[in-house]
Protein backbone atom coordinates (compact mmCIF):
# COMPACT_ATOMS: atom_id res chain seq x y z
CA MET A 1 20.11 -19.42 -49.49
CA ASN A 2 19.26 -23.07 -48.96
CA LYS A 3 21.12 -26.21 -50.01
CA THR A 4 19.48 -26.37 -53.45
CA ASP A 5 20.40 -22.76 -54.17
CA LEU A 6 23.97 -23.41 -53.04
CA ILE A 7 24.24 -26.47 -55.31
CA ASN A 8 22.93 -24.46 -58.26
CA ASN A 9 25.42 -21.65 -57.60
CA ILE A 10 28.32 -24.10 -57.29
CA SER A 11 27.25 -25.70 -60.56
CA LYS A 12 27.19 -22.34 -62.36
CA ALA A 13 30.50 -21.16 -60.90
CA THR A 14 32.45 -24.36 -61.61
CA GLN A 15 30.83 -25.72 -64.77
CA LEU A 16 30.09 -28.95 -62.89
CA THR A 17 26.76 -30.71 -63.28
CA ARG A 18 24.22 -30.29 -60.50
CA ARG A 19 24.84 -33.92 -59.48
CA GLU A 20 28.61 -33.36 -59.28
CA SER A 21 28.06 -30.15 -57.33
CA GLN A 22 25.76 -31.93 -54.88
CA ASN A 23 28.32 -34.71 -54.45
CA ALA A 24 31.07 -32.14 -53.77
CA LEU A 25 28.94 -30.31 -51.19
CA ASP A 26 27.90 -33.56 -49.51
CA ALA A 27 31.54 -34.69 -49.37
CA PHE A 28 32.58 -31.36 -47.82
CA THR A 29 29.92 -31.49 -45.11
CA HIS A 30 30.67 -35.16 -44.42
CA ILE A 31 34.41 -34.47 -44.03
CA VAL A 32 33.86 -31.46 -41.76
CA THR A 33 31.38 -33.41 -39.62
CA ASN A 34 33.67 -36.43 -39.23
CA THR A 35 36.67 -34.23 -38.43
CA LEU A 36 34.70 -32.43 -35.70
CA LYS A 37 33.49 -35.76 -34.30
CA LYS A 38 37.15 -36.71 -33.83
CA GLY A 39 37.64 -33.51 -31.82
CA GLU A 40 39.84 -31.92 -34.46
CA LYS A 41 39.59 -28.39 -35.86
CA VAL A 42 38.80 -27.52 -39.49
CA ALA A 43 40.30 -24.26 -40.77
CA ILE A 44 39.97 -22.63 -44.17
CA THR A 45 42.36 -19.68 -44.30
CA GLY A 46 40.51 -16.44 -44.88
CA PHE A 47 37.06 -18.05 -44.64
CA GLY A 48 36.88 -19.37 -41.09
CA SER A 49 37.24 -22.33 -38.80
CA TRP A 50 35.04 -24.87 -37.09
CA GLU A 51 35.79 -26.50 -33.77
CA VAL A 52 33.96 -28.31 -31.00
CA LYS A 53 33.49 -26.47 -27.72
CA THR A 54 32.21 -27.87 -24.44
CA ARG A 55 29.21 -26.08 -23.02
CA ALA A 56 29.15 -26.30 -19.22
CA ALA A 57 26.20 -27.68 -17.29
CA ARG A 58 23.82 -25.00 -16.12
CA THR A 59 20.36 -24.44 -14.70
CA GLY A 60 17.55 -23.13 -16.84
CA ARG A 61 13.88 -22.43 -16.53
CA ASN A 62 10.98 -24.03 -18.38
CA PRO A 63 9.10 -21.02 -19.83
CA GLN A 64 5.72 -22.76 -19.65
CA THR A 65 5.86 -24.13 -16.11
CA LYS A 66 8.50 -21.76 -14.66
CA GLN A 67 10.19 -24.78 -13.07
CA THR A 68 13.97 -24.79 -12.73
CA ILE A 69 15.64 -27.53 -14.76
CA LYS A 70 19.20 -28.80 -15.01
CA ILE A 71 20.74 -28.60 -18.46
CA PRO A 72 23.62 -31.08 -18.80
CA ALA A 73 27.03 -30.27 -20.26
CA CYS A 74 27.35 -30.92 -23.99
CA HIS A 75 29.65 -30.52 -26.97
CA VAL A 76 28.62 -27.99 -29.64
CA PRO A 77 30.19 -27.07 -32.99
CA LYS A 78 31.30 -23.45 -33.28
CA PHE A 79 32.18 -21.49 -36.40
CA ARG A 80 34.53 -18.53 -36.21
CA PRO A 81 34.70 -16.42 -39.38
CA GLY A 82 38.09 -15.47 -40.77
CA LYS A 83 39.30 -11.93 -41.34
CA LEU A 84 38.72 -11.97 -45.11
CA LEU A 85 35.14 -13.16 -44.68
CA LYS A 86 34.46 -10.51 -42.02
CA ASP A 87 35.91 -7.80 -44.26
CA GLN A 88 33.79 -8.92 -47.25
CA VAL A 89 30.55 -8.89 -45.25
CA LYS A 90 31.00 -5.39 -43.78
């Protein structure tokens, strides 16, 4: 499912117009993104939670040249599904 499909499904499920559904989805992603930028966690009970984790610096290998390279530490968003979501997907 891509963003357009998701917007169409939201529109059908909520009786909102496609424009209103797109605005709602855009607002949700904007809020989650800004909250993660602040270093805070976003949790939706039963669905899951997003948080920012720090990935440590490490060495890697360029597959084309086989040279060893240093990969710097970075911050990455992580999603952890909730119990209800895990149970529904089984």
